[in-house]
Structures are given as structure tokens and as C-alpha cells.
C-alpha atoms as a PDB file:
ATOM      1  CA  MET A   1     100.291  94.187  96.877  1.00  0.00           C
ATOM      2  CA  TYR A   2      98.060  92.383  94.458  1.00  0.00           C
ATOM      3  CA  ASP A   3      94.289  92.301  93.884  1.00  0.00           C
ATOM      4  CA  TYR A   4      92.484  89.398  92.843  1.00  0.00           C
ATOM      5  CA  PRO A   5      88.741  89.480  91.823  1.00  0.00           C
ATOM      6  CA  VAL A   6      86.242  87.227  93.619  1.00  0.00           C
ATOM      7  CA  THR A   7      82.820  85.911  93.293  1.00  0.00           C
ATOM      8  CA  VAL A   8      80.591  85.765  96.185  1.00  0.00           C
ATOM      9  CA  VAL A   9      77.531  83.220  96.213  1.00  0.00           C
ATOM     10  CA  GLU A  10      74.841  82.732  98.727  1.00  0.00           C
ATOM     11  CA  ALA A  11      73.756  79.151  99.354  1.00  0.00           C
ATOM     12  CA  ASP A  12      71.733  77.595 102.270  1.00  0.00           C
ATOM     13  CA  GLY A  13      72.512  80.674 104.246  1.00  0.00           C
ATOM     14  CA  ALA A  14      76.266  80.578 103.894  1.00  0.00           C
ATOM     15  CA  HIS A  15      78.260  82.982 101.672  1.00  0.00           C
ATOM     16  CA  LEU A  16      80.825  80.938  99.434  1.00  0.00           C
ATOM     17  CA  VAL A  17      83.867  83.118  97.848  1.00  0.00           C
ATOM     18  CA  PHE A  18      85.622  81.675  94.704  1.00  0.00           C
ATOM     19  CA  CYS A  19      88.595  83.198  92.799  1.00  0.00           C
ATOM     20  CA  PRO A  20      88.840  82.811  89.035  1.00  0.00           C
ATOM     21  CA  ASP A  21      92.546  83.410  89.128  1.00  0.00           C
ATOM     22  CA  LEU A  22      93.371  81.152  91.833  1.00  0.00           C
ATOM     23  CA  PRO A  23      91.047  77.984  91.512  1.00  0.00           C
ATOM     24  CA  GLU A  24      92.359  76.388  94.636  1.00  0.00           C
ATOM     25  CA  MET A  25      91.248  79.119  96.629  1.00  0.00           C
ATOM     26  CA  HIS A  26      87.810  78.975  98.344  1.00  0.00           C
ATOM     27  CA  SER A  27      86.184  80.401 101.590  1.00  0.00           C
ATOM     28  CA  VAL A  28      82.776  80.486 103.507  1.00  0.00           C
ATOM     29  CA  GLY A  29      81.135  82.544 105.944  1.00  0.00           C
ATOM     30  CA  ASP A  30      77.903  83.243 107.662  1.00  0.00           C
ATOM     31  CA  THR A  31      78.122  86.874 106.278  1.00  0.00           C
ATOM     32  CA  VAL A  32      79.540  88.497 103.363  1.00  0.00           C
ATOM     33  CA  GLU A  33      82.197  90.261 105.364  1.00  0.00           C
ATOM     34  CA  GLU A  34      83.304  87.035 107.521  1.00  0.00           C
ATOM     35  CA  ALA A  35      83.536  85.165 103.888  1.00  0.00           C
ATOM     36  CA  LEU A  36      85.452  88.022 102.510  1.00  0.00           C
ATOM     37  CA  ARG A  37      87.783  88.342 105.588  1.00  0.00           C
ATOM     38  CA  GLU A  38      88.471  84.275 105.231  1.00  0.00           C
ATOM     39  CA  ALA A  39      89.419  84.672 101.424  1.00  0.00           C
ATOM     40  CA  GLY A  40      92.341  86.673 102.617  1.00  0.00           C
ATOM     41  CA  ASP A  41      93.686  83.426 104.204  1.00  0.00           C
ATOM     42  CA  GLY A  42      92.562  81.601 101.301  1.00  0.00           C
ATOM     43  CA  ILE A  43      94.382  83.726  98.734  1.00  0.00           C
ATOM     44  CA  ILE A  44      97.615  83.526 100.563  1.00  0.00           C
ATOM     45  CA  THR A  45      97.184  79.663 101.096  1.00  0.00           C
ATOM     46  CA  ALA A  46      96.426  79.058  97.568  1.00  0.00           C
ATOM     47  CA  LEU A  47      99.563  81.031  96.555  1.00  0.00           C
ATOM     48  CA  SER A  48     101.893  79.136  98.936  1.00  0.00           C
ATOM     49  CA  ILE A  49     100.417  75.912  97.098  1.00  0.00           C
ATOM     50  CA  CYS A  50     101.736  77.332  93.952  1.00  0.00           C
END
């Protein structure tokens, strides 16, 4: 299993997640927990693009 560091930013009531190692990956959620959960799918999708 691999670990990817992410950055969580709050903007306009939403939580955005970015991954410096995978610039194609972005996720969003109403809460931090939701955004991080969505980030898992985003990482899988970004890796499948590579």
C-alpha cells in the first residue's frame, strides 16, 4: 500500500483536497471526512490515468 500526502483547503464552505504527488487528483466534500473519503477514489482514478 502506498501513502500519498494531501492538502485540505476550505473554500466557500467546501473542503478541497489536492495531492502534490498526483496533480491530476482533486476531490471535494462538505466535510473534511467526506473530502478525504472521496480523495481515495481520486487517487485510484489518477493512478489509472498514469
